[in-house]
Amino acid sequence: MTAIISAEHLRVVDSPTLRFEGTEHGSAVSFFLVTNDPGQGPGLHRHPYTETWTVLEGEATIQVGAETFIARAGDSAVVQPDLWHAFTNSGRGTLRIICIHASAVMIQENASEETLTRAR
């Protein structure tokens, strides 16, 4: 059965970002629809599955392991499982990016200071 899920039901508290966790809606994928101001973005983290990003608006600096990439509206990127990654709005305006998790349940390990020290 098809169901419409309102954006307000998915909204992260006190944020314009939406979070869709597939298992709650009978879907095999999950996603964030992120809306960030310049300089904002998630810290270094990883997942045990692939994550695919598509930039809808703006510019993102994406870090995957020791590599850094710039992605602009229309660009997509795929991060393989268990790789440390992060992104930041490196543009002058709003960044809108969809982050698709290849899992019905989001699993995320955030980097600790100890992990960051070892990764450098």
PDB file of N, CA and C in Angstrom:
ATOM      1  N   MET A   1       0.834  -1.168   0.000  1.00  0.00           N
ATOM      2  CA  MET A   1       0.000   0.000   0.000  1.00  0.00           C
ATOM      3  C   MET A   1       0.889   1.245   0.000  1.00  0.00           C
ATOM      4  N   THR A   2       0.563   2.203  -0.816  1.00  0.00           N
ATOM      5  CA  THR A   2       1.294   3.455  -0.891  1.00  0.00           C
ATOM      6  C   THR A   2       0.820   4.379   0.221  1.00  0.00           C
ATOM      7  N   ALA A   3       1.770   5.037   0.863  1.00  0.00           N
ATOM      8  CA  ALA A   3       1.417   5.983   1.915  1.00  0.00           C
ATOM      9  C   ALA A   3       2.251   7.243   1.748  1.00  0.00           C
ATOM     10  N   ILE A   4       1.650   8.373   2.011  1.00  0.00           N
ATOM     11  CA  ILE A   4       2.366   9.643   2.006  1.00  0.00           C
ATOM     12  C   ILE A   4       2.769   9.930   3.442  1.00  0.00           C
ATOM     13  N   ILE A   5       4.024  10.248   3.641  1.00  0.00           N
ATOM     14  CA  ILE A   5       4.536  10.581   4.967  1.00  0.00           C
ATOM     15  C   ILE A   5       4.861  12.062   4.952  1.00  0.00           C
ATOM     16  N   SER A   6       4.215  12.812   5.798  1.00  0.00           N
ATOM     17  CA  SER A   6       4.408  14.259   5.783  1.00  0.00           C
ATOM     18  C   SER A   6       5.818  14.628   6.219  1.00  0.00           C
ATOM     19  N   ALA A   7       6.312  15.711   5.664  1.00  0.00           N
ATOM     20  CA  ALA A   7       7.638  16.214   6.035  1.00  0.00           C
ATOM     21  C   ALA A   7       7.695  16.506   7.525  1.00  0.00           C
ATOM     22  N   GLU A   8       6.621  17.008   8.091  1.00  0.00           N
ATOM     23  CA  GLU A   8       6.629  17.340   9.524  1.00  0.00           C
ATOM     24  C   GLU A   8       6.813  16.101  10.388  1.00  0.00           C
ATOM     25  N   HIS A   9       6.333  14.953   9.904  1.00  0.00           N
ATOM     26  CA  HIS A   9       6.524  13.696  10.642  1.00  0.00           C
ATOM     27  C   HIS A   9       7.994  13.263  10.629  1.00  0.00           C
ATOM     28  N   LEU A  10       8.719  13.660   9.590  1.00  0.00           N
ATOM     29  CA  LEU A  10      10.119  13.254   9.428  1.00  0.00           C
ATOM     30  C   LEU A  10      11.120  14.294   9.948  1.00  0.00           C
ATOM     31  N   ARG A  11      10.642  15.481  10.266  1.00  0.00           N
ATOM     32  CA  ARG A  11      11.544  16.580  10.638  1.00  0.00           C
ATOM     33  C   ARG A  11      12.316  16.278  11.913  1.00  0.00           C
ATOM     34  N   VAL A  12      13.646  16.513  11.856  1.00  0.00           N
ATOM     35  CA  VAL A  12      14.500  16.415  13.031  1.00  0.00           C
ATOM     36  C   VAL A  12      14.162  17.618  13.920  1.00  0.00           C
ATOM     37  N   VAL A  13      14.026  17.395  15.202  1.00  0.00           N
ATOM     38  CA  VAL A  13      13.624  18.448  16.140  1.00  0.00           C
ATOM     39  C   VAL A  13      14.516  19.685  15.992  1.00  0.00           C
ATOM     40  N   ASP A  14      13.893  20.847  15.913  1.00  0.00           N
ATOM     41  CA  ASP A  14      14.591  22.139  15.807  1.00  0.00           C
ATOM     42  C   ASP A  14      15.544  22.205  14.615  1.00  0.00           C
ATOM     43  N   SER A  15      15.161  21.589  13.492  1.00  0.00           N
ATOM     44  CA  SER A  15      16.030  21.542  12.319  1.00  0.00           C
ATOM     45  C   SER A  15      15.175  21.505  11.052  1.00  0.00           C
ATOM     46  N   PRO A  16      15.707  22.027   9.952  1.00  0.00           N
ATOM     47  CA  PRO A  16      14.998  21.872   8.678  1.00  0.00           C
ATOM     48  C   PRO A  16      15.237  20.502   8.037  1.00  0.00           C
ATOM     49  N   THR A  17      16.139  19.702   8.608  1.00  0.00           N
ATOM     50  CA  THR A  17      16.507  18.397   8.051  1.00  0.00           C
ATOM     51  C   THR A  17      15.416  17.362   8.315  1.00  0.00           C
ATOM     52  N   LEU A  18      15.209  16.476   7.324  1.00  0.00           N
ATOM     53  CA  LEU A  18      14.254  15.374   7.445  1.00  0.00           C
ATOM     54  C   LEU A  18      15.012  14.061   7.592  1.00  0.00           C
ATOM     55  N   ARG A  19      14.471  13.148   8.411  1.00  0.00           N
ATOM     56  CA  ARG A  19      15.078  11.825   8.617  1.00  0.00           C
ATOM     57  C   ARG A  19      14.004  10.762   8.376  1.00  0.00           C
ATOM     58  N   PHE A  20      14.264   9.911   7.398  1.00  0.00           N
ATOM     59  CA  PHE A  20      13.356   8.823   7.042  1.00  0.00           C
ATOM     60  C   PHE A  20      14.064   7.521   7.352  1.00  0.00           C
ATOM     61  N   GLU A  21      13.539   6.768   8.306  1.00  0.00           N
ATOM     62  CA  GLU A  21      14.118   5.463   8.618  1.00  0.00           C
ATOM     63  C   GLU A  21      13.181   4.405   8.042  1.00  0.00           C
ATOM     64  N   GLY A  22      13.692   3.651   7.067  1.00  0.00           N
ATOM     65  CA  GLY A  22      12.882   2.746   6.267  1.00  0.00           C
ATOM     66  C   GLY A  22      12.048   1.753   7.036  1.00  0.00           C
ATOM     67  N   THR A  23      12.617   1.171   8.057  1.00  0.00           N
ATOM     68  CA  THR A  23      11.913   0.122   8.791  1.00  0.00           C
ATOM     69  C   THR A  23      10.576   0.601   9.346  1.00  0.00           C
ATOM     70  N   GLU A  24      10.470   1.887   9.669  1.00  0.00           N
ATOM     71  CA  GLU A  24       9.221   2.435  10.207  1.00  0.00           C
ATOM     72  C   GLU A  24       8.133   2.564   9.142  1.00  0.00           C
ATOM     73  N   HIS A  25       8.543   2.455   7.864  1.00  0.00           N
ATOM     74  CA  HIS A  25       7.604   2.711   6.765  1.00  0.00           C
ATOM     75  C   HIS A  25       7.563   1.582   5.738  1.00  0.00           C
ATOM     76  N   GLY A  26       8.118   0.417   6.075  1.00  0.00           N
ATOM     77  CA  GLY A  26       8.094  -0.717   5.165  1.00  0.00           C
ATOM     78  C   GLY A  26       9.026  -0.571   3.982  1.00  0.00           C
ATOM     79  N   SER A  27      10.117   0.171   4.159  1.00  0.00           N
ATOM     80  CA  SER A  27      11.078   0.400   3.076  1.00  0.00           C
ATOM     81  C   SER A  27      12.427  -0.216   3.429  1.00  0.00           C
ATOM     82  N   ALA A  28      13.162  -0.617   2.415  1.00  0.00           N
ATOM     83  CA  ALA A  28      14.482  -1.223   2.611  1.00  0.00           C
ATOM     84  C   ALA A  28      15.606  -0.192   2.650  1.00  0.00           C
ATOM     85  N   VAL A  29      15.287   1.095   2.468  1.00  0.00           N
ATOM     86  CA  VAL A  29      16.300   2.151   2.512  1.00  0.00           C
ATOM     87  C   VAL A  29      15.879   3.226   3.512  1.00  0.00           C
ATOM     88  N   SER A  30      16.870   4.003   3.935  1.00  0.00           N
ATOM     89  CA  SER A  30      16.645   5.141   4.824  1.00  0.00           C
ATOM     90  C   SER A  30      17.320   6.349   4.197  1.00  0.00           C
ATOM     91  N   PHE A  31      16.962   7.564   4.648  1.00  0.00           N
ATOM     92  CA  PHE A  31      17.641   8.741   4.119  1.00  0.00           C
ATOM     93  C   PHE A  31      17.520   9.932   5.044  1.00  0.00           C
ATOM     94  N   PHE A  32      18.460  10.854   4.875  1.00  0.00           N
ATOM     95  CA  PHE A  32      18.367  12.194   5.421  1.00  0.00           C
ATOM     96  C   PHE A  32      18.193  13.135   4.239  1.00  0.00           C
ATOM     97  N   LEU A  33      17.298  14.087   4.337  1.00  0.00           N
ATOM     98  CA  LEU A  33      17.222  15.200   3.402  1.00  0.00           C
ATOM     99  C   LEU A  33      17.719  16.388   4.208  1.00  0.00           C
ATOM    100  N   VAL A  34      18.996  16.707   4.009  1.00  0.00           N
ATOM    101  CA  VAL A  34      19.702  17.684   4.833  1.00  0.00           C
ATOM    102  C   VAL A  34      19.582  19.075   4.226  1.00  0.00           C
ATOM    103  N   THR A  35      19.334  20.053   5.079  1.00  0.00           N
ATOM    104  CA  THR A  35      19.378  21.461   4.715  1.00  0.00           C
ATOM    105  C   THR A  35      20.331  22.124   5.697  1.00  0.00           C
ATOM    106  N   ASN A  36      21.490  22.592   5.191  1.00  0.00           N
ATOM    107  CA  ASN A  36      22.530  23.162   6.047  1.00  0.00           C
ATOM    108  C   ASN A  36      22.922  24.553   5.580  1.00  0.00           C
ATOM    109  N   ASP A  37      23.286  25.386   6.529  1.00  0.00           N
ATOM    110  CA  ASP A  37      23.876  26.692   6.253  1.00  0.00           C
ATOM    111  C   ASP A  37      25.375  26.528   6.017  1.00  0.00           C
ATOM    112  N   PRO A  38      26.033  27.528   5.441  1.00  0.00           N
ATOM    113  CA  PRO A  38      27.483  27.452   5.240  1.00  0.00           C
ATOM    114  C   PRO A  38      28.216  27.080   6.532  1.00  0.00           C
ATOM    115  N   GLY A  39      29.178  26.172   6.384  1.00  0.00           N
ATOM    116  CA  GLY A  39      29.985  25.714   7.510  1.00  0.00           C
ATOM    117  C   GLY A  39      29.391  24.558   8.288  1.00  0.00           C
ATOM    118  N   GLN A  40      28.137  24.218   8.054  1.00  0.00           N
ATOM    119  CA  GLN A  40      27.490  23.134   8.787  1.00  0.00           C
ATOM    120  C   GLN A  40      27.676  21.797   8.076  1.00  0.00           C
ATOM    121  N   GLY A  41      27.608  20.718   8.853  1.00  0.00           N
ATOM    122  CA  GLY A  41      27.657  19.366   8.318  1.00  0.00           C
ATOM    123  C   GLY A  41      27.950  18.393   9.433  1.00  0.00           C
ATOM    124  N   PRO A  42      27.714  17.114   9.189  1.00  0.00           N
ATOM    125  CA  PRO A  42      27.961  16.111  10.221  1.00  0.00           C
ATOM    126  C   PRO A  42      29.454  15.872  10.405  1.00  0.00           C
ATOM    127  N   GLY A  43      29.832  15.518  11.619  1.00  0.00           N
ATOM    128  CA  GLY A  43      31.219  15.161  11.904  1.00  0.00           C
ATOM    129  C   GLY A  43      31.576  13.821  11.276  1.00  0.00           C
ATOM    130  N   LEU A  44      32.828  13.452  11.417  1.00  0.00           N
ATOM    131  CA  LEU A  44      33.344  12.204  10.862  1.00  0.00           C
ATOM    132  C   LEU A  44      32.603  11.015  11.472  1.00  0.00           C
ATOM    133  N   HIS A  45      32.116  10.133  10.586  1.00  0.00           N
ATOM    134  CA  HIS A  45      31.360   8.964  11.018  1.00  0.00           C
ATOM    135  C   HIS A  45      31.458   7.876   9.940  1.00  0.00           C
ATOM    136  N   ARG A  46      30.899   6.698  10.242  1.00  0.00           N
ATOM    137  CA  ARG A  46      30.864   5.613   9.257  1.00  0.00           C
ATOM    138  C   ARG A  46      29.642   4.735   9.498  1.00  0.00           C
ATOM    139  N   HIS A  47      29.341   3.921   8.455  1.00  0.00           N
ATOM    140  CA  HIS A  47      28.193   3.012   8.487  1.00  0.00           C
ATOM    141  C   HIS A  47      28.658   1.639   7.972  1.00  0.00           C
ATOM    142  N   PRO A  48      27.972   0.555   8.353  1.00  0.00           N
ATOM    143  CA  PRO A  48      28.337  -0.777   7.857  1.00  0.00           C
ATOM    144  C   PRO A  48      27.697  -1.102   6.505  1.00  0.00           C
ATOM    145  N   TYR A  49      27.242  -0.091   5.782  1.00  0.00           N
ATOM    146  CA  TYR A  49      26.605  -0.247   4.467  1.00  0.00           C
ATOM    147  C   TYR A  49      26.959   0.975   3.634  1.00  0.00           C
ATOM    148  N   THR A  50      26.667   0.941   2.342  1.00  0.00           N
ATOM    149  CA  THR A  50      26.964   2.096   1.492  1.00  0.00           C
ATOM    150  C   THR A  50      26.023   3.258   1.810  1.00  0.00           C
ATOM    151  N   GLU A  51      26.550   4.462   1.565  1.00  0.00           N
ATOM    152  CA  GLU A  51      25.738   5.674   1.649  1.00  0.00           C
ATOM    153  C   GLU A  51      25.940   6.418   0.337  1.00  0.00           C
ATOM    154  N   THR A  52      24.846   6.858  -0.252  1.00  0.00           N
ATOM    155  CA  THR A  52      24.890   7.570  -1.525  1.00  0.00           C
ATOM    156  C   THR A  52      24.335   8.966  -1.313  1.00  0.00           C
ATOM    157  N   TRP A  53      25.077   9.964  -1.805  1.00  0.00           N
ATOM    158  CA  TRP A  53      24.661  11.360  -1.669  1.00  0.00           C
ATOM    159  C   TRP A  53      24.366  11.943  -3.039  1.00  0.00           C
ATOM    160  N   THR A  54      23.367  12.796  -3.092  1.00  0.00           N
ATOM    161  CA  THR A  54      23.128  13.640  -4.259  1.00  0.00           C
ATOM    162  C   THR A  54      22.911  15.058  -3.756  1.00  0.00           C
ATOM    163  N   VAL A  55      23.713  15.980  -4.286  1.00  0.00           N
ATOM    164  CA  VAL A  55      23.577  17.381  -3.925  1.00  0.00           C
ATOM    165  C   VAL A  55      22.438  17.966  -4.749  1.00  0.00           C
ATOM    166  N   LEU A  56      21.434  18.492  -4.079  1.00  0.00           N
ATOM    167  CA  LEU A  56      20.278  19.082  -4.743  1.00  0.00           C
ATOM    168  C   LEU A  56      20.462  20.577  -4.966  1.00  0.00           C
ATOM    169  N   GLU A  57      21.184  21.215  -4.050  1.00  0.00           N
ATOM    170  CA  GLU A  57      21.407  22.662  -4.120  1.00  0.00           C
ATOM    171  C   GLU A  57      22.663  22.992  -3.333  1.00  0.00           C
ATOM    172  N   GLY A  58      23.489  23.880  -3.857  1.00  0.00           N
ATOM    173  CA  GLY A  58      24.662  24.345  -3.122  1.00  0.00           C
ATOM    174  C   GLY A  58      25.916  23.559  -3.427  1.00  0.00           C
ATOM    175  N   GLU A  59      26.838  23.607  -2.473  1.00  0.00           N
ATOM    176  CA  GLU A  59      28.154  22.979  -2.634  1.00  0.00           C
ATOM    177  C   GLU A  59      28.554  22.301  -1.334  1.00  0.00           C
ATOM    178  N   ALA A  60      29.072  21.087  -1.450  1.00  0.00           N
ATOM    179  CA  ALA A  60      29.525  20.324  -0.283  1.00  0.00           C
ATOM    180  C   ALA A  60      30.981  19.917  -0.472  1.00  0.00           C
ATOM    181  N   THR A  61      31.739  20.036   0.593  1.00  0.00           N
ATOM    182  CA  THR A  61      33.073  19.437   0.628  1.00  0.00           C
ATOM    183  C   THR A  61      32.903  18.113   1.350  1.00  0.00           C
ATOM    184  N   ILE A  62      33.258  17.039   0.651  1.00  0.00           N
ATOM    185  CA  ILE A  62      33.061  15.683   1.159  1.00  0.00           C
ATOM    186  C   ILE A  62      34.425  15.080   1.482  1.00  0.00           C
ATOM    187  N   GLN A  63      34.546  14.557   2.682  1.00  0.00           N
ATOM    188  CA  GLN A  63      35.762  13.860   3.099  1.00  0.00           C
ATOM    189  C   GLN A  63      35.451  12.372   3.193  1.00  0.00           C
ATOM    190  N   VAL A  64      36.249  11.562   2.511  1.00  0.00           N
ATOM    191  CA  VAL A  64      36.139  10.107   2.596  1.00  0.00           C
ATOM    192  C   VAL A  64      37.550   9.597   2.861  1.00  0.00           C
ATOM    193  N   GLY A  65      37.762   9.063   4.064  1.00  0.00           N
ATOM    194  CA  GLY A  65      39.115   8.679   4.446  1.00  0.00           C
ATOM    195  C   GLY A  65      40.014   9.898   4.390  1.00  0.00           C
ATOM    196  N   ALA A  66      41.143   9.789   3.694  1.00  0.00           N
ATOM    197  CA  ALA A  66      42.105  10.891   3.583  1.00  0.00           C
ATOM    198  C   ALA A  66      41.829  11.782   2.369  1.00  0.00           C
ATOM    199  N   GLU A  67      40.817  11.436   1.561  1.00  0.00           N
ATOM    200  CA  GLU A  67      40.527  12.204   0.350  1.00  0.00           C
ATOM    201  C   GLU A  67      39.410  13.218   0.587  1.00  0.00           C
ATOM    202  N   THR A  68      39.494  14.335  -0.145  1.00  0.00           N
ATOM    203  CA  THR A  68      38.474  15.379  -0.073  1.00  0.00           C
ATOM    204  C   THR A  68      37.999  15.701  -1.478  1.00  0.00           C
ATOM    205  N   PHE A  69      36.681  15.871  -1.631  1.00  0.00           N
ATOM    206  CA  PHE A  69      36.063  16.148  -2.920  1.00  0.00           C
ATOM    207  C   PHE A  69      35.106  17.325  -2.773  1.00  0.00           C
ATOM    208  N   ILE A  70      34.883  18.043  -3.859  1.00  0.00           N
ATOM    209  CA  ILE A  70      33.869  19.092  -3.909  1.00  0.00           C
ATOM    210  C   ILE A  70      32.721  18.569  -4.775  1.00  0.00           C
ATOM    211  N   ALA A  71      31.504  18.662  -4.264  1.00  0.00           N
ATOM    212  CA  ALA A  71      30.319  18.251  -5.019  1.00  0.00           C
ATOM    213  C   ALA A  71      29.351  19.431  -5.083  1.00  0.00           C
ATOM    214  N   ARG A  72      28.788  19.629  -6.266  1.00  0.00           N
ATOM    215  CA  ARG A  72      27.845  20.729  -6.483  1.00  0.00           C
ATOM    216  C   ARG A  72      26.502  20.173  -6.957  1.00  0.00           C
ATOM    217  N   ALA A  73      25.514  21.037  -7.033  1.00  0.00           N
ATOM    218  CA  ALA A  73      24.159  20.624  -7.410  1.00  0.00           C
ATOM    219  C   ALA A  73      24.188  19.681  -8.613  1.00  0.00           C
ATOM    220  N   GLY A  74      23.552  18.540  -8.475  1.00  0.00           N
ATOM    221  CA  GLY A  74      23.498  17.535  -9.530  1.00  0.00           C
ATOM    222  C   GLY A  74      24.531  16.440  -9.377  1.00  0.00           C
ATOM    223  N   ASP A  75      25.587  16.680  -8.591  1.00  0.00           N
ATOM    224  CA  ASP A  75      26.636  15.676  -8.387  1.00  0.00           C
ATOM    225  C   ASP A  75      26.195  14.643  -7.358  1.00  0.00           C
ATOM    226  N   SER A  76      26.695  13.414  -7.532  1.00  0.00           N
ATOM    227  CA  SER A  76      26.433  12.327  -6.587  1.00  0.00           C
ATOM    228  C   SER A  76      27.742  11.698  -6.163  1.00  0.00           C
ATOM    229  N   ALA A  77      27.733  11.070  -4.997  1.00  0.00           N
ATOM    230  CA  ALA A  77      28.911  10.366  -4.484  1.00  0.00           C
ATOM    231  C   ALA A  77      28.443   9.132  -3.729  1.00  0.00           C
ATOM    232  N   VAL A  78      29.262   8.087  -3.754  1.00  0.00           N
ATOM    233  CA  VAL A  78      28.966   6.857  -3.026  1.00  0.00           C
ATOM    234  C   VAL A  78      30.130   6.571  -2.092  1.00  0.00           C
ATOM    235  N   VAL A  79      29.806   6.305  -0.840  1.00  0.00           N
ATOM    236  CA  VAL A  79      30.818   5.939   0.157  1.00  0.00           C
ATOM    237  C   VAL A  79      30.614   4.467   0.487  1.00  0.00           C
ATOM    238  N   GLN A  80      31.684   3.719   0.400  1.00  0.00           N
ATOM    239  CA  GLN A  80      31.617   2.285   0.680  1.00  0.00           C
ATOM    240  C   GLN A  80      31.484   2.031   2.184  1.00  0.00           C
ATOM    241  N   PRO A  81      31.034   0.841   2.568  1.00  0.00           N
ATOM    242  CA  PRO A  81      30.847   0.519   3.986  1.00  0.00           C
ATOM    243  C   PRO A  81      32.131   0.691   4.790  1.00  0.00           C
ATOM    244  N   ASP A  82      31.963   1.122   6.026  1.00  0.00           N
ATOM    245  CA  ASP A  82      33.029   1.200   7.035  1.00  0.00           C
ATOM    246  C   ASP A  82      34.109   2.236   6.762  1.00  0.00           C
ATOM    247  N   LEU A  83      33.919   3.126   5.780  1.00  0.00           N
ATOM    248  CA  LEU A  83      34.884   4.205   5.544  1.00  0.00           C
ATOM    249  C   LEU A  83      34.457   5.439   6.332  1.00  0.00           C
ATOM    250  N   TRP A  84      35.404   6.063   7.023  1.00  0.00           N
ATOM    251  CA  TRP A  84      35.116   7.294   7.746  1.00  0.00           C
ATOM    252  C   TRP A  84      34.827   8.392   6.728  1.00  0.00           C
ATOM    253  N   HIS A  85      33.772   9.156   6.970  1.00  0.00           N
ATOM    254  CA  HIS A  85      33.397  10.214   6.034  1.00  0.00           C
ATOM    255  C   HIS A  85      32.639  11.332   6.747  1.00  0.00           C
ATOM    256  N   ALA A  86      32.583  12.471   6.072  1.00  0.00           N
ATOM    257  CA  ALA A  86      31.875  13.647   6.575  1.00  0.00           C
ATOM    258  C   ALA A  86      31.633  14.572   5.392  1.00  0.00           C
ATOM    259  N   PHE A  87      30.746  15.540   5.574  1.00  0.00           N
ATOM    260  CA  PHE A  87      30.599  16.596   4.567  1.00  0.00           C
ATOM    261  C   PHE A  87      30.270  17.901   5.265  1.00  0.00           C
ATOM    262  N   THR A  88      30.612  18.982   4.603  1.00  0.00           N
ATOM    263  CA  THR A  88      30.372  20.329   5.122  1.00  0.00           C
ATOM    264  C   THR A  88      29.844  21.198   3.993  1.00  0.00           C
ATOM    265  N   ASN A  89      28.938  22.083   4.315  1.00  0.00           N
ATOM    266  CA  ASN A  89      28.476  23.067   3.346  1.00  0.00           C
ATOM    267  C   ASN A  89      29.616  24.054   3.143  1.00  0.00           C
ATOM    268  N   SER A  90      30.272  23.960   2.000  1.00  0.00           N
ATOM    269  CA  SER A  90      31.416  24.832   1.702  1.00  0.00           C
ATOM    270  C   SER A  90      31.034  25.956   0.744  1.00  0.00           C
ATOM    271  N   GLY A  91      29.755  26.079   0.457  1.00  0.00           N
ATOM    272  CA  GLY A  91      29.290  27.144  -0.429  1.00  0.00           C
ATOM    273  C   GLY A  91      28.889  28.382   0.346  1.00  0.00           C
ATOM    274  N   ARG A  92      28.348  29.346  -0.382  1.00  0.00           N
ATOM    275  CA  ARG A  92      27.923  30.609   0.232  1.00  0.00           C
ATOM    276  C   ARG A  92      26.447  30.620   0.601  1.00  0.00           C
ATOM    277  N   GLY A  93      25.702  29.655   0.068  1.00  0.00           N
ATOM    278  CA  GLY A  93      24.268  29.604   0.327  1.00  0.00           C
ATOM    279  C   GLY A  93      23.884  28.299   1.002  1.00  0.00           C
ATOM    280  N   THR A  94      22.618  27.984   0.935  1.00  0.00           N
ATOM    281  CA  THR A  94      22.076  26.768   1.544  1.00  0.00           C
ATOM    282  C   THR A  94      22.574  25.527   0.803  1.00  0.00           C
ATOM    283  N   LEU A  95      22.896  24.482   1.560  1.00  0.00           N
ATOM    284  CA  LEU A  95      23.195  23.162   0.997  1.00  0.00           C
ATOM    285  C   LEU A  95      21.980  22.289   1.245  1.00  0.00           C
ATOM    286  N   ARG A  96      21.468  21.696   0.173  1.00  0.00           N
ATOM    287  CA  ARG A  96      20.429  20.670   0.272  1.00  0.00           C
ATOM    288  C   ARG A  96      21.006  19.423  -0.354  1.00  0.00           C
ATOM    289  N   ILE A  97      21.086  18.366   0.440  1.00  0.00           N
ATOM    290  CA  ILE A  97      21.702  17.120  -0.005  1.00  0.00           C
ATOM    291  C   ILE A  97      20.883  15.961   0.544  1.00  0.00           C
ATOM    292  N   ILE A  98      20.663  14.961  -0.300  1.00  0.00           N
ATOM    293  CA  ILE A  98      19.980  13.759   0.173  1.00  0.00           C
ATOM    294  C   ILE A  98      21.041  12.691   0.414  1.00  0.00           C
ATOM    295  N   CYS A  99      20.975  12.066   1.572  1.00  0.00           N
ATOM    296  CA  CYS A  99      21.944  11.057   1.999  1.00  0.00           C
ATOM    297  C   CYS A  99      21.190   9.737   2.143  1.00  0.00           C
ATOM    298  N   ILE A 100      21.354   8.852   1.176  1.00  0.00           N
ATOM    299  CA  ILE A 100      20.597   7.604   1.123  1.00  0.00           C
ATOM    300  C   ILE A 100      21.408   6.486   1.759  1.00  0.00           C
ATOM    301  N   HIS A 101      20.832   5.865   2.767  1.00  0.00           N
ATOM    302  CA  HIS A 101      21.469   4.765   3.492  1.00  0.00           C
ATOM    303  C   HIS A 101      20.906   3.453   2.950  1.00  0.00           C
ATOM    304  N   ALA A 102      21.773   2.547   2.528  1.00  0.00           N
ATOM    305  CA  ALA A 102      21.352   1.266   1.967  1.00  0.00           C
ATOM    306  C   ALA A 102      20.995   0.295   3.096  1.00  0.00           C
ATOM    307  N   SER A 103      20.052   0.721   3.925  1.00  0.00           N
ATOM    308  CA  SER A 103      19.634  -0.081   5.070  1.00  0.00           C
ATOM    309  C   SER A 103      18.277   0.421   5.549  1.00  0.00           C
ATOM    310  N   ALA A 104      17.439  -0.473   6.000  1.00  0.00           N
ATOM    311  CA  ALA A 104      16.142  -0.088   6.545  1.00  0.00           C
ATOM    312  C   ALA A 104      16.283   0.574   7.916  1.00  0.00           C
ATOM    313  N   VAL A 105      17.428   0.340   8.553  1.00  0.00           N
ATOM    314  CA  VAL A 105      17.725   0.914   9.867  1.00  0.00           C
ATOM    315  C   VAL A 105      19.046   1.665   9.767  1.00  0.00           C
ATOM    316  N   MET A 106      19.072   2.899  10.243  1.00  0.00           N
ATOM    317  CA  MET A 106      20.323   3.667  10.222  1.00  0.00           C
ATOM    318  C   MET A 106      21.233   3.210  11.353  1.00  0.00           C
ATOM    319  N   ILE A 107      22.471   2.897  10.969  1.00  0.00           N
ATOM    320  CA  ILE A 107      23.496   2.489  11.930  1.00  0.00           C
ATOM    321  C   ILE A 107      24.678   3.409  11.701  1.00  0.00           C
ATOM    322  N   GLN A 108      25.086   4.128  12.732  1.00  0.00           N
ATOM    323  CA  GLN A 108      26.164   5.108  12.559  1.00  0.00           C
ATOM    324  C   GLN A 108      27.102   5.075  13.747  1.00  0.00           C
ATOM    325  N   GLU A 109      28.390   5.033  13.446  1.00  0.00           N
ATOM    326  CA  GLU A 109      29.429   5.145  14.467  1.00  0.00           C
ATOM    327  C   GLU A 109      30.124   6.484  14.264  1.00  0.00           C
ATOM    328  N   ASN A 110      30.067   7.332  15.285  1.00  0.00           N
ATOM    329  CA  ASN A 110      30.729   8.627  15.212  1.00  0.00           C
ATOM    330  C   ASN A 110      32.175   8.490  15.674  1.00  0.00           C
ATOM    331  N   ALA A 111      33.064   9.247  15.039  1.00  0.00           N
ATOM    332  CA  ALA A 111      34.482   9.200  15.386  1.00  0.00           C
ATOM    333  C   ALA A 111      34.705   9.868  16.738  1.00  0.00           C
ATOM    334  N   SER A 112      35.519   9.229  17.539  1.00  0.00           N
ATOM    335  CA  SER A 112      35.915   9.806  18.818  1.00  0.00           C
ATOM    336  C   SER A 112      37.230  10.551  18.625  1.00  0.00           C
ATOM    337  N   GLU A 113      37.642  11.281  19.626  1.00  0.00           N
ATOM    338  CA  GLU A 113      38.938  11.969  19.548  1.00  0.00           C
ATOM    339  C   GLU A 113      40.062  10.969  19.321  1.00  0.00           C
ATOM    340  N   GLU A 114      39.962   9.786  19.946  1.00  0.00           N
ATOM    341  CA  GLU A 114      40.981   8.741  19.773  1.00  0.00           C
ATOM    342  C   GLU A 114      41.026   8.285  18.318  1.00  0.00           C
ATOM    343  N   THR A 115      39.860   8.072  17.717  1.00  0.00           N
ATOM    344  CA  THR A 115      39.781   7.658  16.311  1.00  0.00           C
ATOM    345  C   THR A 115      40.350   8.736  15.399  1.00  0.00           C
ATOM    346  N   LEU A 116      40.008   9.991  15.675  1.00  0.00           N
ATOM    347  CA  LEU A 116      40.510  11.093  14.860  1.00  0.00           C
ATOM    348  C   LEU A 116      42.031  11.166  14.910  1.00  0.00           C
ATOM    349  N   THR A 117      42.604  10.963  16.063  1.00  0.00           N
ATOM    350  CA  THR A 117      44.059  11.001  16.223  1.00  0.00           C
ATOM    351  C   THR A 117      44.698   9.892  15.392  1.00  0.00           C
ATOM    352  N   ARG A 118      44.137   8.680  15.442  1.00  0.00           N
ATOM    353  CA  ARG A 118      44.683   7.550  14.678  1.00  0.00           C
ATOM    354  C   ARG A 118      44.535   7.762  13.184  1.00  0.00           C
ATOM    355  N   ALA A 119      43.441   8.430  12.746  1.00  0.00           N
ATOM    356  CA  ALA A 119      43.165   8.628  11.308  1.00  0.00           C
ATOM    357  C   ALA A 119      44.091   9.649  10.679  1.00  0.00           C
ATOM    358  N   ARG A 120      44.685  10.532  11.440  1.00  0.00           N
ATOM    359  CA  ARG A 120      45.521  11.605  10.887  1.00  0.00           C
ATOM    360  C   ARG A 120      46.864  11.121  10.458  1.00  0.00           C
TER     361      ARG A 120
END
